[in-house]
Amino acid sequence: MLLSVLVLSSCGKTNKTDVANVTEKDTKNIYEPNWESLAKHNADPEWFHDSKLGIYFHWGVYSVPAYGSEWYPYRLYRVNEYPDYKEYHEKNYGKLETFGYHDFIPMFKAEKYDAEDWADLFKAAGAKFAGPVAQHHDGFAMWDSELNPWNSADMGPKKDITGEILTALKKRGLKTMTSFHHARLRQRHDGDSTKWDTYNSHFAYHPDYPTSSEDADLKKFYGNMPQEDFDQYWLDQVNEVVDKYSPDILWYDVWLNHVAEDKIQEMSAHFLNNGLKTGQEPVLIAKHDDLPKSMSVLDIEQGGKKDVSEKVWMTDITVSDKGSWCYTHGQVYKTPKLLLRNMIDVWSKNGVVLLNISPMADGTINKEQRDLLTEVGDWLKTYGEAVYGTRPFHIYGFGHAKAEDGAHGGQSAKVEYTAGDIRFTTSKDKKSLYVFLLGKPEPGTEISLGKLNDIGYGPATPVKRVIELKSGKEVKWERTERSHSFVIPEDVELSELANVFKMELL
């Protein structure tokens, strides 16, 4: 195998503002609710750059029917477009006119939910931050809310889901995040039944169903309110979570462009000022162009960059292989090989992975998902030196795998890699180059990396030695005028998932 690579050292990063020593008195209104002021925020602090892996979970009222996907409430009331949802619903729960989506809430009991156990699992999986989907498109708040009557502390589980899991995570030294998807909640039909299937509304307005109810609480649940009232309601809920729990990360799904710009600015300033007050280095993450990149991190859903990015970015991917982000009956999961190898590709391109899991309505994280997280975590315990705190090479690597385009931008998150695909990361001090083989090579195979003396260190490649990272065993390596190579040793136990060789540089 003869493959060539051109390599340059990666770019450094300068912080925009140092807030470590700011006192509470000084933090008042440090960030004003305008883009110019917010742009002073350091969008990707070093802790986030170093973290590489976070975990969150799609879990809520939609987990009760466990049919189709977390888009169950969206499709349920679009009876012409998705007739199978109505058929499933009425067969199992009764007529749609009398058993609405909100009637699932008492069935969402979460009786087996154990925040301590979940936090242990997330840490064992190698995550450096984690948290819940605090509110999906469906209007149900997964925290103890004084603003939203439809919340997990007062209904359903009768538990402060967000408070419990964030507390458990903090006890274990993990950073915390909350994700918000509720910008899409508002019905943008404005009471016009001729527009009941408007795409930008999560719930379809329908005169025969609860989505058109005039009950004050149901109007909140189904997003049936004027735009101005909704924008304030959207903002107040996010601020409530920030004030109660101080997450390190706020992550947004799309549709922020449908919320008033001044409310987005108020939200951002409130969150960042809270971080200054608490001594945190907060991170805002959003998709597409929903937030300016001067003060936020870009997220690409179920995909990744096709090349090394100068700026840190994120991808959110899920453990399920097809369809749903929430638990559904008969759910099928990715293999550890497919999941981990695609994660390595993200890390080689200056990305961070946000991995989604799918708990059942009762709070069970099933064995298939636990085994998957445990296998990834065990690999990271062995090879984590090459992941956490590393930085990208000038190029991510090389190989033969074909990457299809992702549905939401970039490339697919389900590329089939093999040992012939190679990826790189470097240590911060540039004294180590980590070489990932995305599979299990045969012993005795020569791995050619091309002219590593072209990496910018001078006329001769300053390699001290090459070691197999798991065993620490030094391996045979050679530099010629045209190539730099090492040989896969015969007497080391290689991983079925991916393998790492460390080139120590002088």
Foldseek 3Di string as FASTA:
>chain_A
DADADFFAAFDDDDQLDDLQPPALVRLVCQADLDPVRLLSARFADLQNLQFQEEEEADADLCLQQQPQASLLQLLCQVCVVNVVSQVSCCVPPNHQLVCPSLNSFQVLALQVADLLVVLVLRVLLRGQEYFYQQDAQQLAGLAPDPQQPRYCCNIRNVDGRRVSNLVNNVVVNHAYEYEYHNLQQADPCLPPLVCQNPPSHSHGDDPSHLLVDPPPNSCSRRNDDDQVVVLVSVLVVLLVCCVPRVGQEYEYEDNLVSHDSSSVSVSSSSNCSSCSNVSHSHHYEYEDPSDPPSNHAYEFEQAAAPKADSDEHEYEYEQFPDGYLARHPPTHGDALQQQVLLSLLRQQRSYHYYYYAYARSNNDRDPVVSVSSNVSSVVCVQVVVQGRQWAHINTFWDFDWDWDADPRGHTGSGIDFEQRTWGWIAHPVRQKIKIKRQFDDDAFDKDKHWQCCSHPPDNDFQWPFKAWRRVRHTFDWDDDRTITITGRHDPDDADGRMTMMMTGGD
